[in-house]
Amino acid sequence: MIVGADRIAANGDVANKIGTYGVAVLARRHGIPFYVAAPRSTIDPTTPTGADITIEERDAGEVTGFGGVRWAPEGVVVRNPVFDMTPAELVTAIISERGVMHAPDREQIRRVLA
């Protein structure tokens, strides 16, 4: 598996489009390597972990109805995140223009950014 990334935290946690985490879990479960291909500019050394990345939420109306037809009851609580977080321990390697970081961690990321 190879996915992109919207943002990578200093510890190697990866924020990407919703569904990426599920793909990473399935890859791990089935022994398939999970790679993240992203430019160095995606890595944010000022963000310690993925928990520090604010996940954008889209309008609840995107999932409670369509075309003027509402199928969810009024008042229902909805989360509609744009991204999800994949922890570094599920990432086989991060591929950047400066090389490959196997089992990415803070030290490898620091070296790539140097």
PDB file of N, CA and C in Angstrom:
ATOM      1  N   MET A   1       0.831  -1.163   0.000  1.00  0.00           N
ATOM      2  CA  MET A   1       0.000   0.000   0.000  1.00  0.00           C
ATOM      3  C   MET A   1       0.883   1.237   0.000  1.00  0.00           C
ATOM      4  N   ILE A   2       0.499   2.198  -0.805  1.00  0.00           N
ATOM      5  CA  ILE A   2       1.173   3.494  -0.785  1.00  0.00           C
ATOM      6  C   ILE A   2       0.085   4.560  -0.762  1.00  0.00           C
ATOM      7  N   VAL A   3       0.184   5.459   0.228  1.00  0.00           N
ATOM      8  CA  VAL A   3      -0.751   6.579   0.339  1.00  0.00           C
ATOM      9  C   VAL A   3       0.062   7.868   0.419  1.00  0.00           C
ATOM     10  N   GLY A   4      -0.631   8.973   0.294  1.00  0.00           N
ATOM     11  CA  GLY A   4       0.002  10.265   0.486  1.00  0.00           C
ATOM     12  C   GLY A   4      -0.219  10.728   1.915  1.00  0.00           C
ATOM     13  N   ALA A   5       0.064  11.981   2.156  1.00  0.00           N
ATOM     14  CA  ALA A   5      -0.159  12.561   3.477  1.00  0.00           C
ATOM     15  C   ALA A   5      -0.436  14.045   3.327  1.00  0.00           C
ATOM     16  N   ASP A   6      -1.331  14.534   4.149  1.00  0.00           N
ATOM     17  CA  ASP A   6      -1.575  15.974   4.195  1.00  0.00           C
ATOM     18  C   ASP A   6      -0.657  16.635   5.209  1.00  0.00           C
ATOM     19  N   ARG A   7      -0.303  15.892   6.248  1.00  0.00           N
ATOM     20  CA  ARG A   7       0.594  16.414   7.282  1.00  0.00           C
ATOM     21  C   ARG A   7       1.190  15.239   8.042  1.00  0.00           C
ATOM     22  N   ILE A   8       2.450  15.370   8.419  1.00  0.00           N
ATOM     23  CA  ILE A   8       3.141  14.345   9.198  1.00  0.00           C
ATOM     24  C   ILE A   8       3.705  15.018  10.437  1.00  0.00           C
ATOM     25  N   ALA A   9       3.378  14.474  11.604  1.00  0.00           N
ATOM     26  CA  ALA A   9       3.871  15.015  12.871  1.00  0.00           C
ATOM     27  C   ALA A   9       5.332  14.613  13.079  1.00  0.00           C
ATOM     28  N   ALA A  10       5.974  15.261  14.033  1.00  0.00           N
ATOM     29  CA  ALA A  10       7.396  15.030  14.307  1.00  0.00           C
ATOM     30  C   ALA A  10       7.708  13.590  14.722  1.00  0.00           C
ATOM     31  N   ASN A  11       6.715  12.871  15.230  1.00  0.00           N
ATOM     32  CA  ASN A  11       6.938  11.481  15.645  1.00  0.00           C
ATOM     33  C   ASN A  11       6.599  10.475  14.549  1.00  0.00           C
ATOM     34  N   GLY A  12       6.128  10.953  13.376  1.00  0.00           N
ATOM     35  CA  GLY A  12       5.806  10.059  12.271  1.00  0.00           C
ATOM     36  C   GLY A  12       4.329   9.745  12.121  1.00  0.00           C
ATOM     37  N   ASP A  13       3.471  10.242  13.024  1.00  0.00           N
ATOM     38  CA  ASP A  13       2.025  10.078  12.851  1.00  0.00           C
ATOM     39  C   ASP A  13       1.610  10.816  11.587  1.00  0.00           C
ATOM     40  N   VAL A  14       0.646  10.253  10.866  1.00  0.00           N
ATOM     41  CA  VAL A  14       0.267  10.773   9.548  1.00  0.00           C
ATOM     42  C   VAL A  14      -1.204  11.174   9.507  1.00  0.00           C
ATOM     43  N   ALA A  15      -1.469  12.418   9.119  1.00  0.00           N
ATOM     44  CA  ALA A  15      -2.834  12.871   8.862  1.00  0.00           C
ATOM     45  C   ALA A  15      -3.056  12.814   7.358  1.00  0.00           C
ATOM     46  N   ASN A  16      -4.124  12.140   6.963  1.00  0.00           N
ATOM     47  CA  ASN A  16      -4.452  12.024   5.549  1.00  0.00           C
ATOM     48  C   ASN A  16      -5.962  11.893   5.406  1.00  0.00           C
ATOM     49  N   LYS A  17      -6.441  11.825   4.176  1.00  0.00           N
ATOM     50  CA  LYS A  17      -7.872  11.754   3.928  1.00  0.00           C
ATOM     51  C   LYS A  17      -8.523  10.632   4.733  1.00  0.00           C
ATOM     52  N   ILE A  18      -9.776  10.859   5.087  1.00  0.00           N
ATOM     53  CA  ILE A  18     -10.526   9.892   5.881  1.00  0.00           C
ATOM     54  C   ILE A  18     -10.481   8.524   5.200  1.00  0.00           C
ATOM     55  N   GLY A  19     -10.232   7.507   5.972  1.00  0.00           N
ATOM     56  CA  GLY A  19     -10.134   6.147   5.456  1.00  0.00           C
ATOM     57  C   GLY A  19      -8.724   5.609   5.429  1.00  0.00           C
ATOM     58  N   THR A  20      -7.741   6.493   5.525  1.00  0.00           N
ATOM     59  CA  THR A  20      -6.343   6.060   5.485  1.00  0.00           C
ATOM     60  C   THR A  20      -6.015   5.168   6.680  1.00  0.00           C
ATOM     61  N   TYR A  21      -6.495   5.535   7.854  1.00  0.00           N
ATOM     62  CA  TYR A  21      -6.225   4.724   9.058  1.00  0.00           C
ATOM     63  C   TYR A  21      -6.742   3.299   8.872  1.00  0.00           C
ATOM     64  N   GLY A  22      -7.957   3.170   8.355  1.00  0.00           N
ATOM     65  CA  GLY A  22      -8.525   1.838   8.127  1.00  0.00           C
ATOM     66  C   GLY A  22      -7.698   1.013   7.160  1.00  0.00           C
ATOM     67  N   VAL A  23      -7.182   1.647   6.129  1.00  0.00           N
ATOM     68  CA  VAL A  23      -6.322   0.959   5.169  1.00  0.00           C
ATOM     69  C   VAL A  23      -5.036   0.498   5.862  1.00  0.00           C
ATOM     70  N   ALA A  24      -4.478   1.342   6.721  1.00  0.00           N
ATOM     71  CA  ALA A  24      -3.251   0.983   7.446  1.00  0.00           C
ATOM     72  C   ALA A  24      -3.487  -0.208   8.372  1.00  0.00           C
ATOM     73  N   VAL A  25      -4.623  -0.214   9.047  1.00  0.00           N
ATOM     74  CA  VAL A  25      -4.954  -1.330   9.947  1.00  0.00           C
ATOM     75  C   VAL A  25      -5.103  -2.624   9.142  1.00  0.00           C
ATOM     76  N   LEU A  26      -5.804  -2.555   8.030  1.00  0.00           N
ATOM     77  CA  LEU A  26      -5.974  -3.744   7.180  1.00  0.00           C
ATOM     78  C   LEU A  26      -4.636  -4.228   6.629  1.00  0.00           C
ATOM     79  N   ALA A  27      -3.792  -3.298   6.217  1.00  0.00           N
ATOM     80  CA  ALA A  27      -2.472  -3.684   5.712  1.00  0.00           C
ATOM     81  C   ALA A  27      -1.691  -4.421   6.800  1.00  0.00           C
ATOM     82  N   ARG A  28      -1.685  -3.872   8.006  1.00  0.00           N
ATOM     83  CA  ARG A  28      -0.963  -4.517   9.118  1.00  0.00           C
ATOM     84  C   ARG A  28      -1.519  -5.916   9.390  1.00  0.00           C
ATOM     85  N   ARG A  29      -2.824  -6.019   9.436  1.00  0.00           N
ATOM     86  CA  ARG A  29      -3.497  -7.300   9.741  1.00  0.00           C
ATOM     87  C   ARG A  29      -3.145  -8.376   8.724  1.00  0.00           C
ATOM     88  N   HIS A  30      -2.935  -7.964   7.465  1.00  0.00           N
ATOM     89  CA  HIS A  30      -2.696  -8.923   6.405  1.00  0.00           C
ATOM     90  C   HIS A  30      -1.239  -8.977   5.949  1.00  0.00           C
ATOM     91  N   GLY A  31      -0.360  -8.355   6.740  1.00  0.00           N
ATOM     92  CA  GLY A  31       1.069  -8.444   6.459  1.00  0.00           C
ATOM     93  C   GLY A  31       1.508  -7.699   5.208  1.00  0.00           C
ATOM     94  N   ILE A  32       0.772  -6.659   4.851  1.00  0.00           N
ATOM     95  CA  ILE A  32       1.095  -5.866   3.666  1.00  0.00           C
ATOM     96  C   ILE A  32       1.813  -4.593   4.123  1.00  0.00           C
ATOM     97  N   PRO A  33       2.970  -4.275   3.551  1.00  0.00           N
ATOM     98  CA  PRO A  33       3.659  -3.042   3.934  1.00  0.00           C
ATOM     99  C   PRO A  33       2.800  -1.815   3.634  1.00  0.00           C
ATOM    100  N   PHE A  34       2.880  -0.813   4.503  1.00  0.00           N
ATOM    101  CA  PHE A  34       2.099   0.415   4.373  1.00  0.00           C
ATOM    102  C   PHE A  34       3.068   1.585   4.293  1.00  0.00           C
ATOM    103  N   TYR A  35       3.162   2.190   3.103  1.00  0.00           N
ATOM    104  CA  TYR A  35       4.095   3.277   2.861  1.00  0.00           C
ATOM    105  C   TYR A  35       3.349   4.601   2.713  1.00  0.00           C
ATOM    106  N   VAL A  36       3.993   5.665   3.158  1.00  0.00           N
ATOM    107  CA  VAL A  36       3.481   7.021   2.980  1.00  0.00           C
ATOM    108  C   VAL A  36       4.485   7.757   2.104  1.00  0.00           C
ATOM    109  N   ALA A  37       4.011   8.249   0.960  1.00  0.00           N
ATOM    110  CA  ALA A  37       4.865   9.018   0.060  1.00  0.00           C
ATOM    111  C   ALA A  37       4.461  10.486   0.180  1.00  0.00           C
ATOM    112  N   ALA A  38       5.411  11.317   0.593  1.00  0.00           N
ATOM    113  CA  ALA A  38       5.101  12.730   0.820  1.00  0.00           C
ATOM    114  C   ALA A  38       6.380  13.561   0.756  1.00  0.00           C
ATOM    115  N   PRO A  39       6.258  14.791   0.278  1.00  0.00           N
ATOM    116  CA  PRO A  39       7.431  15.668   0.274  1.00  0.00           C
ATOM    117  C   PRO A  39       7.790  16.101   1.694  1.00  0.00           C
ATOM    118  N   ARG A  40       9.027  16.501   1.874  1.00  0.00           N
ATOM    119  CA  ARG A  40       9.469  16.979   3.197  1.00  0.00           C
ATOM    120  C   ARG A  40       8.597  18.105   3.716  1.00  0.00           C
ATOM    121  N   SER A  41       8.065  18.929   2.833  1.00  0.00           N
ATOM    122  CA  SER A  41       7.242  20.061   3.264  1.00  0.00           C
ATOM    123  C   SER A  41       5.982  19.626   4.006  1.00  0.00           C
ATOM    124  N   THR A  42       5.624  18.359   3.896  1.00  0.00           N
ATOM    125  CA  THR A  42       4.456  17.813   4.604  1.00  0.00           C
ATOM    126  C   THR A  42       4.771  17.561   6.079  1.00  0.00           C
ATOM    127  N   ILE A  43       6.040  17.390   6.401  1.00  0.00           N
ATOM    128  CA  ILE A  43       6.438  17.089   7.773  1.00  0.00           C
ATOM    129  C   ILE A  43       6.458  18.379   8.590  1.00  0.00           C
ATOM    130  N   ASP A  44       5.777  18.343   9.727  1.00  0.00           N
ATOM    131  CA  ASP A  44       5.690  19.514  10.601  1.00  0.00           C
ATOM    132  C   ASP A  44       6.459  19.236  11.893  1.00  0.00           C
ATOM    133  N   PRO A  45       7.706  19.672  11.979  1.00  0.00           N
ATOM    134  CA  PRO A  45       8.512  19.374  13.168  1.00  0.00           C
ATOM    135  C   PRO A  45       8.022  20.091  14.423  1.00  0.00           C
ATOM    136  N   THR A  46       7.137  21.072  14.282  1.00  0.00           N
ATOM    137  CA  THR A  46       6.608  21.796  15.446  1.00  0.00           C
ATOM    138  C   THR A  46       5.376  21.119  16.039  1.00  0.00           C
ATOM    139  N   THR A  47       4.898  20.060  15.387  1.00  0.00           N
ATOM    140  CA  THR A  47       3.744  19.305  15.887  1.00  0.00           C
ATOM    141  C   THR A  47       4.267  17.984  16.437  1.00  0.00           C
ATOM    142  N   PRO A  48       4.282  17.827  17.760  1.00  0.00           N
ATOM    143  CA  PRO A  48       4.901  16.642  18.367  1.00  0.00           C
ATOM    144  C   PRO A  48       4.291  15.307  17.924  1.00  0.00           C
ATOM    145  N   THR A  49       2.957  15.200  17.941  1.00  0.00           N
ATOM    146  CA  THR A  49       2.286  13.941  17.592  1.00  0.00           C
ATOM    147  C   THR A  49       1.020  14.241  16.799  1.00  0.00           C
ATOM    148  N   GLY A  50       0.436  13.202  16.263  1.00  0.00           N
ATOM    149  CA  GLY A  50      -0.819  13.355  15.537  1.00  0.00           C
ATOM    150  C   GLY A  50      -1.936  13.898  16.397  1.00  0.00           C
ATOM    151  N   ALA A  51      -1.880  13.646  17.687  1.00  0.00           N
ATOM    152  CA  ALA A  51      -2.912  14.148  18.607  1.00  0.00           C
ATOM    153  C   ALA A  51      -2.922  15.672  18.644  1.00  0.00           C
ATOM    154  N   ASP A  52      -1.836  16.287  18.202  1.00  0.00           N
ATOM    155  CA  ASP A  52      -1.729  17.744  18.209  1.00  0.00           C
ATOM    156  C   ASP A  52      -2.215  18.385  16.906  1.00  0.00           C
ATOM    157  N   ILE A  53      -2.654  17.561  15.964  1.00  0.00           N
ATOM    158  CA  ILE A  53      -3.154  18.065  14.684  1.00  0.00           C
ATOM    159  C   ILE A  53      -4.666  18.218  14.778  1.00  0.00           C
ATOM    160  N   THR A  54      -5.155  19.410  14.492  1.00  0.00           N
ATOM    161  CA  THR A  54      -6.598  19.655  14.489  1.00  0.00           C
ATOM    162  C   THR A  54      -7.182  19.058  13.215  1.00  0.00           C
ATOM    163  N   ILE A  55      -8.182  18.205  13.385  1.00  0.00           N
ATOM    164  CA  ILE A  55      -8.828  17.563  12.248  1.00  0.00           C
ATOM    165  C   ILE A  55     -10.033  18.396  11.816  1.00  0.00           C
ATOM    166  N   GLU A  56      -9.997  18.838  10.575  1.00  0.00           N
ATOM    167  CA  GLU A  56     -11.089  19.641  10.007  1.00  0.00           C
ATOM    168  C   GLU A  56     -12.364  18.806   9.917  1.00  0.00           C
ATOM    169  N   GLU A  57     -13.487  19.435  10.243  1.00  0.00           N
ATOM    170  CA  GLU A  57     -14.797  18.780  10.140  1.00  0.00           C
ATOM    171  C   GLU A  57     -15.607  19.464   9.040  1.00  0.00           C
ATOM    172  N   ARG A  58     -16.263  18.685   8.227  1.00  0.00           N
ATOM    173  CA  ARG A  58     -17.160  19.237   7.207  1.00  0.00           C
ATOM    174  C   ARG A  58     -18.556  19.365   7.794  1.00  0.00           C
ATOM    175  N   ASP A  59     -19.408  20.051   7.056  1.00  0.00           N
ATOM    176  CA  ASP A  59     -20.779  20.291   7.477  1.00  0.00           C
ATOM    177  C   ASP A  59     -21.527  18.982   7.688  1.00  0.00           C
ATOM    178  N   ALA A  60     -22.276  18.894   8.782  1.00  0.00           N
ATOM    179  CA  ALA A  60     -23.053  17.691   9.098  1.00  0.00           C
ATOM    180  C   ALA A  60     -24.075  17.386   8.012  1.00  0.00           C
ATOM    181  N   GLY A  61     -24.538  18.418   7.321  1.00  0.00           N
ATOM    182  CA  GLY A  61     -25.529  18.226   6.273  1.00  0.00           C
ATOM    183  C   GLY A  61     -25.067  17.323   5.141  1.00  0.00           C
ATOM    184  N   GLU A  62     -23.751  17.158   5.013  1.00  0.00           N
ATOM    185  CA  GLU A  62     -23.231  16.273   3.969  1.00  0.00           C
ATOM    186  C   GLU A  62     -23.596  14.813   4.208  1.00  0.00           C
ATOM    187  N   VAL A  63     -23.874  14.452   5.468  1.00  0.00           N
ATOM    188  CA  VAL A  63     -24.181  13.048   5.777  1.00  0.00           C
ATOM    189  C   VAL A  63     -25.570  12.840   6.370  1.00  0.00           C
ATOM    190  N   THR A  64     -26.318  13.910   6.563  1.00  0.00           N
ATOM    191  CA  THR A  64     -27.671  13.762   7.134  1.00  0.00           C
ATOM    192  C   THR A  64     -28.762  13.857   6.083  1.00  0.00           C
ATOM    193  N   GLY A  65     -28.368  14.136   4.839  1.00  0.00           N
ATOM    194  CA  GLY A  65     -29.349  14.220   3.777  1.00  0.00           C
ATOM    195  C   GLY A  65     -28.693  14.628   2.484  1.00  0.00           C
ATOM    196  N   PHE A  66     -29.525  14.713   1.427  1.00  0.00           N
ATOM    197  CA  PHE A  66     -29.004  15.102   0.118  1.00  0.00           C
ATOM    198  C   PHE A  66     -30.144  15.613  -0.749  1.00  0.00           C
ATOM    199  N   GLY A  67     -29.849  16.658  -1.514  1.00  0.00           N
ATOM    200  CA  GLY A  67     -30.819  17.167  -2.467  1.00  0.00           C
ATOM    201  C   GLY A  67     -32.122  17.611  -1.844  1.00  0.00           C
ATOM    202  N   GLY A  68     -32.038  18.171  -0.653  1.00  0.00           N
ATOM    203  CA  GLY A  68     -33.242  18.645   0.018  1.00  0.00           C
ATOM    204  C   GLY A  68     -33.996  17.570   0.778  1.00  0.00           C
ATOM    205  N   VAL A  69     -33.519  16.327   0.723  1.00  0.00           N
ATOM    206  CA  VAL A  69     -34.161  15.229   1.462  1.00  0.00           C
ATOM    207  C   VAL A  69     -33.298  14.907   2.676  1.00  0.00           C
ATOM    208  N   ARG A  70     -33.886  15.010   3.838  1.00  0.00           N
ATOM    209  CA  ARG A  70     -33.166  14.705   5.075  1.00  0.00           C
ATOM    210  C   ARG A  70     -33.551  13.307   5.536  1.00  0.00           C
ATOM    211  N   TRP A  71     -32.562  12.454   5.784  1.00  0.00           N
ATOM    212  CA  TRP A  71     -32.859  11.099   6.245  1.00  0.00           C
ATOM    213  C   TRP A  71     -32.436  10.854   7.685  1.00  0.00           C
ATOM    214  N   ALA A  72     -31.708  11.780   8.264  1.00  0.00           N
ATOM    215  CA  ALA A  72     -31.332  11.650   9.676  1.00  0.00           C
ATOM    216  C   ALA A  72     -32.281  12.519  10.503  1.00  0.00           C
ATOM    217  N   PRO A  73     -32.633  12.067  11.709  1.00  0.00           N
ATOM    218  CA  PRO A  73     -33.532  12.871  12.541  1.00  0.00           C
ATOM    219  C   PRO A  73     -32.902  14.203  12.948  1.00  0.00           C
ATOM    220  N   GLU A  74     -33.735  15.223  13.105  1.00  0.00           N
ATOM    221  CA  GLU A  74     -33.262  16.523  13.592  1.00  0.00           C
ATOM    222  C   GLU A  74     -32.582  16.323  14.947  1.00  0.00           C
ATOM    223  N   GLY A  75     -31.501  17.045  15.157  1.00  0.00           N
ATOM    224  CA  GLY A  75     -30.812  16.991  16.442  1.00  0.00           C
ATOM    225  C   GLY A  75     -29.800  15.875  16.571  1.00  0.00           C
ATOM    226  N   VAL A  76     -29.715  15.001  15.569  1.00  0.00           N
ATOM    227  CA  VAL A  76     -28.747  13.911  15.648  1.00  0.00           C
ATOM    228  C   VAL A  76     -27.332  14.507  15.645  1.00  0.00           C
ATOM    229  N   VAL A  77     -26.457  13.944  16.451  1.00  0.00           N
ATOM    230  CA  VAL A  77     -25.074  14.401  16.537  1.00  0.00           C
ATOM    231  C   VAL A  77     -24.279  13.718  15.426  1.00  0.00           C
ATOM    232  N   VAL A  78     -23.577  14.533  14.648  1.00  0.00           N
ATOM    233  CA  VAL A  78     -22.841  14.023  13.500  1.00  0.00           C
ATOM    234  C   VAL A  78     -21.399  14.495  13.554  1.00  0.00           C
ATOM    235  N   ARG A  79     -20.479  13.588  13.275  1.00  0.00           N
ATOM    236  CA  ARG A  79     -19.082  13.955  13.026  1.00  0.00           C
ATOM    237  C   ARG A  79     -18.815  13.668  11.570  1.00  0.00           C
ATOM    238  N   ASN A  80     -18.192  14.599  10.908  1.00  0.00           N
ATOM    239  CA  ASN A  80     -17.882  14.453   9.490  1.00  0.00           C
ATOM    240  C   ASN A  80     -16.452  14.920   9.240  1.00  0.00           C
ATOM    241  N   PRO A  81     -15.462  14.164   9.770  1.00  0.00           N
ATOM    242  CA  PRO A  81     -14.065  14.585   9.616  1.00  0.00           C
ATOM    243  C   PRO A  81     -13.575  14.434   8.178  1.00  0.00           C
ATOM    244  N   VAL A  82     -12.695  15.333   7.792  1.00  0.00           N
ATOM    245  CA  VAL A  82     -12.092  15.290   6.463  1.00  0.00           C
ATOM    246  C   VAL A  82     -10.878  14.365   6.459  1.00  0.00           C
ATOM    247  N   PHE A  83     -10.167  14.315   7.583  1.00  0.00           N
ATOM    248  CA  PHE A  83      -8.941  13.536   7.709  1.00  0.00           C
ATOM    249  C   PHE A  83      -9.046  12.562   8.871  1.00  0.00           C
ATOM    250  N   ASP A  84      -8.159  11.564   8.855  1.00  0.00           N
ATOM    251  CA  ASP A  84      -7.986  10.743  10.041  1.00  0.00           C
ATOM    252  C   ASP A  84      -6.491  10.635  10.321  1.00  0.00           C
ATOM    253  N   MET A  85      -6.171  10.060  11.450  1.00  0.00           N
ATOM    254  CA  MET A  85      -4.794   9.987  11.908  1.00  0.00           C
ATOM    255  C   MET A  85      -4.324   8.536  11.895  1.00  0.00           C
ATOM    256  N   THR A  86      -3.207   8.295  11.263  1.00  0.00           N
ATOM    257  CA  THR A  86      -2.588   6.969  11.257  1.00  0.00           C
ATOM    258  C   THR A  86      -1.348   7.041  12.139  1.00  0.00           C
ATOM    259  N   PRO A  87      -1.317   6.255  13.222  1.00  0.00           N
ATOM    260  CA  PRO A  87      -0.146   6.298  14.106  1.00  0.00           C
ATOM    261  C   PRO A  87       1.105   5.749  13.414  1.00  0.00           C
ATOM    262  N   ALA A  88       2.235   6.306  13.770  1.00  0.00           N
ATOM    263  CA  ALA A  88       3.515   5.939  13.156  1.00  0.00           C
ATOM    264  C   ALA A  88       3.789   4.442  13.233  1.00  0.00           C
ATOM    265  N   GLU A  89       3.301   3.774  14.277  1.00  0.00           N
ATOM    266  CA  GLU A  89       3.605   2.342  14.409  1.00  0.00           C
ATOM    267  C   GLU A  89       2.958   1.493  13.316  1.00  0.00           C
ATOM    268  N   LEU A  90       1.990   2.056  12.588  1.00  0.00           N
ATOM    269  CA  LEU A  90       1.379   1.332  11.469  1.00  0.00           C
ATOM    270  C   LEU A  90       2.056   1.632  10.137  1.00  0.00           C
ATOM    271  N   VAL A  91       3.007   2.565  10.135  1.00  0.00           N
ATOM    272  CA  VAL A  91       3.676   2.996   8.902  1.00  0.00           C
ATOM    273  C   VAL A  91       4.975   2.210   8.731  1.00  0.00           C
ATOM    274  N   THR A  92       5.063   1.481   7.636  1.00  0.00           N
ATOM    275  CA  THR A  92       6.284   0.727   7.337  1.00  0.00           C
ATOM    276  C   THR A  92       7.436   1.687   7.054  1.00  0.00           C
ATOM    277  N   ALA A  93       7.136   2.708   6.234  1.00  0.00           N
ATOM    278  CA  ALA A  93       8.156   3.700   5.906  1.00  0.00           C
ATOM    279  C   ALA A  93       7.496   4.942   5.324  1.00  0.00           C
ATOM    280  N   ILE A  94       8.183   6.071   5.502  1.00  0.00           N
ATOM    281  CA  ILE A  94       7.799   7.315   4.842  1.00  0.00           C
ATOM    282  C   ILE A  94       8.831   7.548   3.740  1.00  0.00           C
ATOM    283  N   ILE A  95       8.330   7.787   2.536  1.00  0.00           N
ATOM    284  CA  ILE A  95       9.189   8.022   1.379  1.00  0.00           C
ATOM    285  C   ILE A  95       9.142   9.514   1.049  1.00  0.00           C
ATOM    286  N   SER A  96      10.304  10.158   1.041  1.00  0.00           N
ATOM    287  CA  SER A  96      10.375  11.579   0.693  1.00  0.00           C
ATOM    288  C   SER A  96      11.474  11.772  -0.344  1.00  0.00           C
ATOM    289  N   GLU A  97      11.594  12.986  -0.827  1.00  0.00           N
ATOM    290  CA  GLU A  97      12.632  13.279  -1.811  1.00  0.00           C
ATOM    291  C   GLU A  97      14.033  13.183  -1.211  1.00  0.00           C
ATOM    292  N   ARG A  98      14.131  13.092   0.121  1.00  0.00           N
ATOM    293  CA  ARG A  98      15.432  12.957   0.798  1.00  0.00           C
ATOM    294  C   ARG A  98      15.710  11.528   1.230  1.00  0.00           C
ATOM    295  N   GLY A  99      14.843  10.581   0.848  1.00  0.00           N
ATOM    296  CA  GLY A  99      15.102   9.192   1.191  1.00  0.00           C
ATOM    297  C   GLY A  99      13.920   8.518   1.856  1.00  0.00           C
ATOM    298  N   VAL A 100      14.169   7.315   2.350  1.00  0.00           N
ATOM    299  CA  VAL A 100      13.145   6.484   2.958  1.00  0.00           C
ATOM    300  C   VAL A 100      13.423   6.371   4.454  1.00  0.00           C
ATOM    301  N   MET A 101      12.387   6.606   5.240  1.00  0.00           N
ATOM    302  CA  MET A 101      12.491   6.473   6.701  1.00  0.00           C
ATOM    303  C   MET A 101      11.709   5.234   7.118  1.00  0.00           C
ATOM    304  N   HIS A 102      12.409   4.115   7.334  1.00  0.00           N
ATOM    305  CA  HIS A 102      11.753   2.883   7.772  1.00  0.00           C
ATOM    306  C   HIS A 102      11.371   3.009   9.239  1.00  0.00           C
ATOM    307  N   ALA A 103      10.178   2.507   9.587  1.00  0.00           N
ATOM    308  CA  ALA A 103       9.662   2.628  10.958  1.00  0.00           C
ATOM    309  C   ALA A 103       9.934   4.040  11.468  1.00  0.00           C
ATOM    310  N   PRO A 104       9.295   5.038  10.853  1.00  0.00           N
ATOM    311  CA  PRO A 104       9.626   6.439  11.142  1.00  0.00           C
ATOM    312  C   PRO A 104       9.493   6.813  12.613  1.00  0.00           C
ATOM    313  N   ASP A 105      10.447   7.599  13.062  1.00  0.00           N
ATOM    314  CA  ASP A 105      10.423   8.106  14.436  1.00  0.00           C
ATOM    315  C   ASP A 105      11.029   9.509  14.434  1.00  0.00           C
ATOM    316  N   ARG A 106      11.070  10.124  15.605  1.00  0.00           N
ATOM    317  CA  ARG A 106      11.551  11.511  15.707  1.00  0.00           C
ATOM    318  C   ARG A 106      12.971  11.699  15.161  1.00  0.00           C
ATOM    319  N   GLU A 107      13.842  10.757  15.455  1.00  0.00           N
ATOM    320  CA  GLU A 107      15.237  10.889  15.029  1.00  0.00           C
ATOM    321  C   GLU A 107      15.366  10.838  13.511  1.00  0.00           C
ATOM    322  N   GLN A 108      14.697   9.884  12.879  1.00  0.00           N
ATOM    323  CA  GLN A 108      14.756   9.789  11.419  1.00  0.00           C
ATOM    324  C   GLN A 108      14.171  11.038  10.769  1.00  0.00           C
ATOM    325  N   ILE A 109      13.076  11.513  11.307  1.00  0.00           N
ATOM    326  CA  ILE A 109      12.447  12.704  10.757  1.00  0.00           C
ATOM    327  C   ILE A 109      13.352  13.915  10.938  1.00  0.00           C
ATOM    328  N   ARG A 110      14.002  14.026  12.077  1.00  0.00           N
ATOM    329  CA  ARG A 110      14.945  15.122  12.324  1.00  0.00           C
ATOM    330  C   ARG A 110      16.059  15.097  11.285  1.00  0.00           C
ATOM    331  N   ARG A 111      16.576  13.902  10.971  1.00  0.00           N
ATOM    332  CA  ARG A 111      17.664  13.782   9.979  1.00  0.00           C
ATOM    333  C   ARG A 111      17.205  14.198   8.593  1.00  0.00           C
ATOM    334  N   VAL A 112      15.990  13.806   8.212  1.00  0.00           N
ATOM    335  CA  VAL A 112      15.480  14.147   6.884  1.00  0.00           C
ATOM    336  C   VAL A 112      15.263  15.647   6.746  1.00  0.00           C
ATOM    337  N   LEU A 113      14.895  16.292   7.829  1.00  0.00           N
ATOM    338  CA  LEU A 113      14.630  17.734   7.795  1.00  0.00           C
ATOM    339  C   LEU A 113      15.901  18.574   7.897  1.00  0.00           C
ATOM    340  N   ALA A 114      17.002  17.935   8.299  1.00  0.00           N
ATOM    341  CA  ALA A 114      18.260  18.682   8.477  1.00  0.00           C
ATOM    342  C   ALA A 114      18.832  19.141   7.152  1.00  0.00           C
TER     343      ALA A 114
END
